[in-house]
N, C-alpha and C. Protein backbone atom coordinates (compact mmCIF):
# COMPACT_ATOMS: atom_id res chain seq x y z
N MET A 1 0.85 -1.18 0.00
CA MET A 1 0.00 0.00 0.00
C MET A 1 0.89 1.24 0.00
N PRO A 2 0.86 2.00 -1.05
CA PRO A 2 1.67 3.22 -1.08
C PRO A 2 1.18 4.24 -0.07
N LYS A 3 2.14 4.87 0.63
CA LYS A 3 1.79 5.88 1.63
C LYS A 3 1.11 7.07 0.98
N HIS A 4 1.43 7.37 -0.27
CA HIS A 4 0.82 8.54 -0.91
C HIS A 4 -0.68 8.37 -1.12
N GLU A 5 -1.19 7.16 -0.97
CA GLU A 5 -2.64 6.93 -1.06
C GLU A 5 -3.31 7.09 0.30
N THR A 6 -2.53 7.38 1.32
CA THR A 6 -3.04 7.58 2.66
C THR A 6 -2.93 9.05 3.01
N THR A 7 -4.02 9.60 3.55
CA THR A 7 -3.99 11.00 3.99
C THR A 7 -4.15 11.04 5.49
N VAL A 8 -3.49 12.02 6.10
CA VAL A 8 -3.63 12.26 7.53
C VAL A 8 -4.24 13.64 7.67
N ARG A 9 -5.30 13.72 8.46
CA ARG A 9 -6.03 14.98 8.62
C ARG A 9 -6.52 15.10 10.05
N PRO A 10 -6.91 16.31 10.44
CA PRO A 10 -7.53 16.47 11.76
C PRO A 10 -8.84 15.68 11.80
N ALA A 11 -9.12 15.09 12.92
CA ALA A 11 -10.36 14.33 13.07
C ALA A 11 -11.55 15.28 13.13
N CYS A 12 -12.71 14.76 12.76
CA CYS A 12 -13.96 15.52 12.88
C CYS A 12 -14.95 14.68 13.68
N LEU A 13 -16.03 15.29 14.09
CA LEU A 13 -17.00 14.60 14.95
C LEU A 13 -17.50 13.29 14.33
N ALA A 14 -17.63 13.25 13.03
CA ALA A 14 -18.10 12.04 12.37
C ALA A 14 -17.13 10.86 12.53
N ASP A 15 -15.88 11.14 12.92
CA ASP A 15 -14.87 10.09 13.11
C ASP A 15 -14.90 9.46 14.51
N ALA A 16 -15.62 10.05 15.44
CA ALA A 16 -15.53 9.64 16.85
C ALA A 16 -15.83 8.16 17.06
N ASP A 17 -16.88 7.63 16.46
CA ASP A 17 -17.21 6.22 16.66
C ASP A 17 -16.13 5.30 16.10
N ALA A 18 -15.59 5.65 14.94
CA ALA A 18 -14.54 4.83 14.34
C ALA A 18 -13.26 4.88 15.18
N ILE A 19 -12.93 6.05 15.71
CA ILE A 19 -11.75 6.17 16.59
C ILE A 19 -11.96 5.33 17.85
N ALA A 20 -13.17 5.42 18.44
CA ALA A 20 -13.47 4.64 19.64
C ALA A 20 -13.36 3.15 19.35
N ALA A 21 -13.87 2.71 18.22
CA ALA A 21 -13.80 1.29 17.86
C ALA A 21 -12.36 0.85 17.68
N LEU A 22 -11.57 1.66 16.99
CA LEU A 22 -10.17 1.32 16.75
C LEU A 22 -9.38 1.26 18.05
N THR A 23 -9.52 2.27 18.89
CA THR A 23 -8.75 2.29 20.14
C THR A 23 -9.22 1.21 21.11
N SER A 24 -10.48 0.81 21.02
CA SER A 24 -10.98 -0.23 21.94
C SER A 24 -10.31 -1.58 21.67
N VAL A 25 -9.93 -1.83 20.43
CA VAL A 25 -9.21 -3.07 20.11
C VAL A 25 -7.88 -3.09 20.86
N TYR A 26 -7.18 -1.98 20.85
CA TYR A 26 -5.91 -1.88 21.56
C TYR A 26 -6.13 -1.91 23.08
N ALA A 27 -7.19 -1.30 23.54
CA ALA A 27 -7.49 -1.31 24.98
C ALA A 27 -7.79 -2.72 25.47
N ARG A 28 -8.55 -3.47 24.70
CA ARG A 28 -8.86 -4.86 25.09
C ARG A 28 -7.59 -5.71 25.19
N ASN A 29 -6.58 -5.36 24.41
CA ASN A 29 -5.31 -6.08 24.44
C ASN A 29 -4.34 -5.50 25.47
N GLY A 30 -4.79 -4.53 26.27
CA GLY A 30 -3.96 -3.96 27.32
C GLY A 30 -2.88 -3.03 26.83
N VAL A 31 -2.99 -2.53 25.61
CA VAL A 31 -1.96 -1.69 25.02
C VAL A 31 -2.22 -0.21 25.28
N MET A 32 -3.48 0.16 25.47
CA MET A 32 -3.81 1.56 25.77
C MET A 32 -5.08 1.60 26.59
N LEU A 33 -5.34 2.77 27.15
CA LEU A 33 -6.56 2.95 27.93
C LEU A 33 -7.75 3.09 26.99
N GLU A 34 -8.88 2.59 27.44
CA GLU A 34 -10.14 2.72 26.69
C GLU A 34 -10.52 4.19 26.59
N ARG A 35 -10.97 4.62 25.43
CA ARG A 35 -11.46 5.97 25.22
C ARG A 35 -12.89 5.85 24.71
N SER A 36 -13.82 6.37 25.45
CA SER A 36 -15.22 6.31 25.02
C SER A 36 -15.44 7.28 23.87
N ALA A 37 -16.51 7.06 23.10
CA ALA A 37 -16.85 7.99 22.02
C ALA A 37 -17.10 9.38 22.59
N ASP A 38 -17.73 9.46 23.77
CA ASP A 38 -17.98 10.76 24.40
C ASP A 38 -16.67 11.47 24.73
N ASN A 39 -15.70 10.74 25.27
CA ASN A 39 -14.39 11.33 25.58
C ASN A 39 -13.69 11.79 24.30
N ILE A 40 -13.81 10.99 23.27
CA ILE A 40 -13.19 11.35 22.00
C ILE A 40 -13.85 12.60 21.43
N ILE A 41 -15.17 12.68 21.52
CA ILE A 41 -15.88 13.87 21.04
C ILE A 41 -15.41 15.11 21.80
N GLU A 42 -15.26 14.99 23.12
CA GLU A 42 -14.79 16.12 23.93
C GLU A 42 -13.40 16.59 23.52
N ASN A 43 -12.60 15.68 23.00
CA ASN A 43 -11.21 15.98 22.65
C ASN A 43 -10.94 15.89 21.15
N ILE A 44 -11.98 15.96 20.34
CA ILE A 44 -11.84 15.69 18.90
C ILE A 44 -10.82 16.60 18.23
N ARG A 45 -10.68 17.82 18.68
CA ARG A 45 -9.73 18.75 18.06
C ARG A 45 -8.28 18.36 18.30
N ASN A 46 -8.04 17.41 19.18
CA ASN A 46 -6.68 16.94 19.46
C ASN A 46 -6.35 15.64 18.74
N PHE A 47 -7.29 15.12 17.96
CA PHE A 47 -7.09 13.85 17.25
C PHE A 47 -6.75 14.09 15.79
N PHE A 48 -5.97 13.16 15.26
CA PHE A 48 -5.69 13.09 13.83
C PHE A 48 -6.07 11.69 13.38
N VAL A 49 -6.49 11.58 12.14
CA VAL A 49 -6.83 10.27 11.59
C VAL A 49 -6.11 10.06 10.27
N ALA A 50 -5.83 8.79 9.99
CA ALA A 50 -5.27 8.39 8.71
C ALA A 50 -6.38 7.71 7.93
N GLU A 51 -6.53 8.09 6.67
CA GLU A 51 -7.54 7.50 5.80
C GLU A 51 -6.86 6.89 4.58
N HIS A 52 -7.39 5.77 4.16
CA HIS A 52 -6.94 5.11 2.95
C HIS A 52 -8.18 4.84 2.11
N HIS A 53 -8.26 5.48 0.97
CA HIS A 53 -9.44 5.38 0.10
C HIS A 53 -10.73 5.62 0.87
N GLY A 54 -10.72 6.65 1.73
CA GLY A 54 -11.91 7.04 2.46
C GLY A 54 -12.20 6.25 3.72
N MET A 55 -11.40 5.23 4.04
CA MET A 55 -11.61 4.42 5.24
C MET A 55 -10.63 4.85 6.33
N LEU A 56 -11.13 5.05 7.54
CA LEU A 56 -10.28 5.41 8.66
C LEU A 56 -9.47 4.18 9.06
N ILE A 57 -8.13 4.31 8.97
CA ILE A 57 -7.27 3.16 9.25
C ILE A 57 -6.32 3.40 10.43
N GLY A 58 -6.31 4.64 10.96
CA GLY A 58 -5.42 4.93 12.08
C GLY A 58 -5.78 6.24 12.74
N CYS A 59 -5.26 6.41 13.96
CA CYS A 59 -5.51 7.65 14.69
C CYS A 59 -4.40 7.88 15.70
N CYS A 60 -4.31 9.10 16.15
CA CYS A 60 -3.49 9.46 17.30
C CYS A 60 -4.02 10.77 17.84
N ALA A 61 -3.59 11.10 19.05
CA ALA A 61 -4.04 12.35 19.68
C ALA A 61 -2.85 13.03 20.31
N ILE A 62 -3.02 14.32 20.56
CA ILE A 62 -2.03 15.08 21.31
C ILE A 62 -2.70 15.61 22.57
N ALA A 63 -1.91 15.73 23.61
CA ALA A 63 -2.39 16.30 24.88
C ALA A 63 -1.34 17.29 25.34
N PHE A 64 -1.80 18.49 25.65
CA PHE A 64 -0.89 19.54 26.11
C PHE A 64 -0.82 19.53 27.63
N TYR A 65 0.40 19.64 28.16
CA TYR A 65 0.60 19.69 29.61
C TYR A 65 1.07 21.07 30.05
N THR A 66 1.94 21.67 29.27
CA THR A 66 2.36 23.05 29.48
C THR A 66 2.51 23.66 28.09
N ALA A 67 2.88 24.93 28.02
CA ALA A 67 3.10 25.56 26.72
C ALA A 67 4.30 24.95 26.00
N GLN A 68 5.15 24.24 26.73
CA GLN A 68 6.36 23.66 26.15
C GLN A 68 6.36 22.13 26.09
N LEU A 69 5.38 21.49 26.74
CA LEU A 69 5.37 20.03 26.87
C LEU A 69 4.03 19.45 26.43
N ALA A 70 4.10 18.41 25.59
CA ALA A 70 2.89 17.73 25.14
C ALA A 70 3.18 16.24 25.02
N GLU A 71 2.09 15.49 24.89
CA GLU A 71 2.16 14.04 24.75
C GLU A 71 1.48 13.63 23.45
N ILE A 72 2.02 12.62 22.80
CA ILE A 72 1.33 11.94 21.72
C ILE A 72 0.77 10.66 22.31
N ARG A 73 -0.52 10.44 22.12
CA ARG A 73 -1.15 9.26 22.71
C ARG A 73 -2.25 8.72 21.81
N SER A 74 -2.81 7.62 22.23
CA SER A 74 -3.90 6.95 21.49
C SER A 74 -3.50 6.65 20.05
N LEU A 75 -2.25 6.28 19.84
CA LEU A 75 -1.78 5.90 18.51
C LEU A 75 -2.25 4.48 18.22
N ALA A 76 -3.06 4.35 17.18
CA ALA A 76 -3.62 3.05 16.83
C ALA A 76 -3.77 2.96 15.31
N VAL A 77 -3.47 1.78 14.77
CA VAL A 77 -3.60 1.53 13.34
C VAL A 77 -4.29 0.18 13.18
N LEU A 78 -5.25 0.12 12.25
CA LEU A 78 -5.91 -1.16 11.98
C LEU A 78 -4.86 -2.23 11.70
N LYS A 79 -5.09 -3.41 12.23
CA LYS A 79 -4.11 -4.48 12.14
C LYS A 79 -3.61 -4.73 10.72
N GLU A 80 -4.51 -4.75 9.76
CA GLU A 80 -4.10 -5.04 8.39
C GLU A 80 -3.27 -3.92 7.74
N TYR A 81 -3.16 -2.77 8.43
CA TYR A 81 -2.37 -1.66 7.91
C TYR A 81 -1.12 -1.38 8.75
N THR A 82 -0.84 -2.22 9.74
CA THR A 82 0.37 -2.01 10.55
C THR A 82 1.61 -2.34 9.73
N ARG A 83 2.72 -1.75 10.14
CA ARG A 83 4.02 -1.95 9.49
C ARG A 83 4.03 -1.49 8.04
N LYS A 84 3.23 -0.46 7.76
CA LYS A 84 3.18 0.12 6.42
C LYS A 84 3.46 1.62 6.46
N GLY A 85 3.94 2.12 7.61
CA GLY A 85 4.29 3.53 7.72
C GLY A 85 3.17 4.45 8.16
N ILE A 86 2.01 3.90 8.47
CA ILE A 86 0.85 4.72 8.85
C ILE A 86 1.10 5.36 10.22
N GLY A 87 1.60 4.60 11.16
CA GLY A 87 1.91 5.15 12.49
C GLY A 87 2.90 6.30 12.39
N ARG A 88 3.90 6.15 11.55
CA ARG A 88 4.90 7.22 11.37
C ARG A 88 4.26 8.48 10.78
N LEU A 89 3.35 8.30 9.81
CA LEU A 89 2.66 9.46 9.23
C LEU A 89 1.87 10.20 10.31
N LEU A 90 1.19 9.46 11.17
CA LEU A 90 0.39 10.07 12.24
C LEU A 90 1.28 10.81 13.23
N VAL A 91 2.38 10.19 13.63
CA VAL A 91 3.30 10.82 14.59
C VAL A 91 3.91 12.08 13.97
N LYS A 92 4.31 12.01 12.71
CA LYS A 92 4.88 13.19 12.04
C LYS A 92 3.88 14.34 12.01
N LYS A 93 2.62 14.04 11.70
CA LYS A 93 1.59 15.08 11.68
C LYS A 93 1.44 15.70 13.07
N ALA A 94 1.38 14.87 14.10
CA ALA A 94 1.25 15.37 15.47
C ALA A 94 2.45 16.24 15.83
N GLU A 95 3.65 15.80 15.50
CA GLU A 95 4.85 16.58 15.80
C GLU A 95 4.85 17.92 15.06
N THR A 96 4.40 17.92 13.82
CA THR A 96 4.32 19.17 13.05
C THR A 96 3.40 20.17 13.73
N VAL A 97 2.23 19.71 14.14
CA VAL A 97 1.27 20.59 14.82
C VAL A 97 1.85 21.08 16.14
N LEU A 98 2.50 20.22 16.88
CA LEU A 98 3.09 20.62 18.16
C LEU A 98 4.18 21.68 17.95
N ARG A 99 5.02 21.49 16.94
CA ARG A 99 6.05 22.51 16.63
C ARG A 99 5.39 23.84 16.30
N GLU A 100 4.33 23.80 15.49
CA GLU A 100 3.62 25.03 15.12
C GLU A 100 3.05 25.74 16.35
N GLU A 101 2.69 24.98 17.36
CA GLU A 101 2.15 25.54 18.59
C GLU A 101 3.25 26.03 19.54
N GLY A 102 4.49 25.77 19.21
CA GLY A 102 5.60 26.22 20.04
C GLY A 102 6.04 25.22 21.10
N VAL A 103 5.51 24.00 21.04
CA VAL A 103 5.92 22.96 21.99
C VAL A 103 7.35 22.57 21.67
N ARG A 104 8.16 22.42 22.69
CA ARG A 104 9.58 22.11 22.51
C ARG A 104 9.93 20.66 22.86
N GLU A 105 9.04 20.00 23.60
CA GLU A 105 9.34 18.63 24.04
C GLU A 105 8.05 17.82 23.99
N VAL A 106 8.15 16.63 23.40
CA VAL A 106 6.99 15.73 23.31
C VAL A 106 7.38 14.39 23.92
N PHE A 107 6.42 13.78 24.60
CA PHE A 107 6.71 12.47 25.18
C PHE A 107 5.60 11.48 24.84
N VAL A 108 5.93 10.22 25.03
CA VAL A 108 4.99 9.12 24.85
C VAL A 108 5.17 8.14 25.99
N LEU A 109 4.14 7.43 26.31
CA LEU A 109 4.23 6.23 27.15
C LEU A 109 3.84 5.10 26.22
N THR A 110 4.71 4.12 26.09
CA THR A 110 4.51 3.12 25.04
C THR A 110 4.95 1.73 25.46
N LEU A 111 4.39 0.76 24.77
CA LEU A 111 4.84 -0.62 24.87
C LEU A 111 5.61 -1.01 23.60
N SER A 112 5.83 -0.03 22.72
CA SER A 112 6.56 -0.23 21.46
C SER A 112 7.73 0.75 21.37
N PRO A 113 8.69 0.63 22.26
CA PRO A 113 9.79 1.61 22.27
C PRO A 113 10.60 1.61 20.98
N GLU A 114 10.73 0.47 20.32
CA GLU A 114 11.53 0.44 19.09
C GLU A 114 10.92 1.32 17.99
N PHE A 115 9.59 1.38 17.94
CA PHE A 115 8.91 2.24 16.97
C PHE A 115 9.30 3.70 17.21
N PHE A 116 9.19 4.14 18.45
CA PHE A 116 9.48 5.54 18.75
C PHE A 116 10.98 5.84 18.71
N ARG A 117 11.82 4.88 19.09
CA ARG A 117 13.27 5.07 19.01
C ARG A 117 13.67 5.37 17.56
N ALA A 118 13.05 4.67 16.62
CA ALA A 118 13.34 4.88 15.20
C ALA A 118 12.89 6.26 14.73
N SER A 119 12.04 6.91 15.49
CA SER A 119 11.56 8.26 15.15
C SER A 119 12.25 9.34 15.98
N GLY A 120 13.33 8.97 16.66
CA GLY A 120 14.13 9.96 17.38
C GLY A 120 13.79 10.16 18.84
N TYR A 121 13.00 9.28 19.43
CA TYR A 121 12.65 9.38 20.85
C TYR A 121 13.67 8.62 21.67
N ALA A 122 13.91 9.10 22.89
CA ALA A 122 14.85 8.46 23.80
C ALA A 122 14.12 8.10 25.09
N GLU A 123 14.52 7.00 25.67
CA GLU A 123 13.91 6.54 26.92
C GLU A 123 14.25 7.49 28.06
N ILE A 124 13.29 7.66 28.96
CA ILE A 124 13.45 8.55 30.11
C ILE A 124 12.59 8.00 31.24
N LYS A 125 12.88 8.37 32.46
CA LYS A 125 12.07 7.91 33.60
C LYS A 125 10.70 8.59 33.57
N LYS A 126 9.68 7.83 33.91
CA LYS A 126 8.31 8.37 33.94
C LYS A 126 8.19 9.54 34.90
N GLU A 127 8.97 9.52 35.95
CA GLU A 127 8.89 10.57 36.97
C GLU A 127 9.25 11.95 36.42
N TYR A 128 9.87 11.98 35.25
CA TYR A 128 10.21 13.24 34.60
C TYR A 128 8.94 14.02 34.20
N PHE A 129 7.81 13.30 34.14
CA PHE A 129 6.54 13.89 33.71
C PHE A 129 5.49 13.82 34.82
N PRO A 130 5.70 14.53 35.91
CA PRO A 130 4.72 14.46 36.99
C PRO A 130 3.33 14.95 36.56
N GLN A 131 3.27 15.85 35.57
CA GLN A 131 1.99 16.33 35.08
C GLN A 131 1.15 15.16 34.55
N LYS A 132 1.79 14.25 33.84
CA LYS A 132 1.11 13.08 33.28
C LYS A 132 0.61 12.19 34.42
N ILE A 133 1.45 11.96 35.38
CA ILE A 133 1.09 11.09 36.49
C ILE A 133 -0.10 11.67 37.24
N TRP A 134 -0.07 12.97 37.53
CA TRP A 134 -1.17 13.60 38.26
C TRP A 134 -2.46 13.58 37.47
N ARG A 135 -2.39 13.84 36.17
CA ARG A 135 -3.59 13.97 35.37
C ARG A 135 -4.20 12.63 34.96
N ASP A 136 -3.37 11.69 34.50
CA ASP A 136 -3.90 10.47 33.89
C ASP A 136 -3.58 9.18 34.62
N CYS A 137 -2.37 9.06 35.09
CA CYS A 137 -1.92 7.77 35.62
C CYS A 137 -2.66 7.36 36.89
N THR A 138 -3.09 8.32 37.68
CA THR A 138 -3.78 7.96 38.92
C THR A 138 -5.10 7.25 38.66
N HIS A 139 -5.62 7.35 37.43
CA HIS A 139 -6.88 6.70 37.07
C HIS A 139 -6.66 5.39 36.30
N CYS A 140 -5.43 5.04 36.09
CA CYS A 140 -5.10 3.88 35.28
C CYS A 140 -5.10 2.60 36.11
N PRO A 141 -5.70 1.53 35.60
CA PRO A 141 -5.67 0.26 36.34
C PRO A 141 -4.27 -0.33 36.48
N LYS A 142 -3.32 0.13 35.67
CA LYS A 142 -1.94 -0.37 35.75
C LYS A 142 -1.06 0.48 36.66
N LEU A 143 -1.65 1.41 37.40
CA LEU A 143 -0.87 2.38 38.18
C LEU A 143 0.24 1.73 39.00
N MET A 144 -0.06 0.68 39.71
CA MET A 144 0.93 0.08 40.59
C MET A 144 1.82 -0.96 39.89
N ALA A 145 1.51 -1.23 38.62
CA ALA A 145 2.31 -2.19 37.87
C ALA A 145 2.44 -1.74 36.43
N CYS A 146 2.81 -0.50 36.25
CA CYS A 146 2.90 0.08 34.91
C CYS A 146 4.04 -0.56 34.12
N ASP A 147 3.71 -1.03 32.93
CA ASP A 147 4.73 -1.65 32.08
C ASP A 147 5.08 -0.78 30.89
N GLU A 148 4.55 0.43 30.84
CA GLU A 148 4.84 1.33 29.73
C GLU A 148 6.20 1.99 29.91
N ILE A 149 6.80 2.32 28.80
CA ILE A 149 8.11 2.97 28.79
C ILE A 149 7.90 4.43 28.38
N ALA A 150 8.47 5.33 29.15
CA ALA A 150 8.40 6.76 28.83
C ALA A 150 9.53 7.09 27.87
N MET A 151 9.19 7.86 26.84
CA MET A 151 10.18 8.30 25.87
C MET A 151 9.93 9.76 25.54
N VAL A 152 10.97 10.46 25.18
CA VAL A 152 10.86 11.90 24.95
C VAL A 152 11.64 12.29 23.69
N LYS A 153 11.20 13.37 23.07
CA LYS A 153 11.88 13.91 21.90
C LYS A 153 11.84 15.42 21.96
N LYS A 154 12.97 16.05 21.71
CA LYS A 154 13.04 17.51 21.58
C LYS A 154 12.57 17.87 20.19
N LEU A 155 11.70 18.86 20.11
CA LEU A 155 11.20 19.29 18.79
C LEU A 155 11.96 20.49 18.29
């Protein structure tokens, strides 16, 4: 599948159910937290989607913590489209928007460190991001046994 046939764009309200369905597959596998359609609708302006011939095949979101720090999260690609560069397209789009907003540092919590390492991210201790822990991690069922790896990239 050529990448030029895939477009990445800001999500719109009509995408919320498809984003929820896609992320729920990853949530059921313990790879990310469940995001309800209502939560996605509330945060729709922070989501990007990848489309291939009009079908939503991937998504990711950004979350701002300070004027200089943001997170890329909810990165998900339909199984049949993985390992085809779709995740990289989504991350690049998110990074471009973050740079335009003046963000200087972006982080991820991931179970796929090799993917992010190939995109210039470096491993770091989770404690470096207390804002993330205060806002999101305290509600996570994995709080006391977190297996995610924190990674950061200077923009």
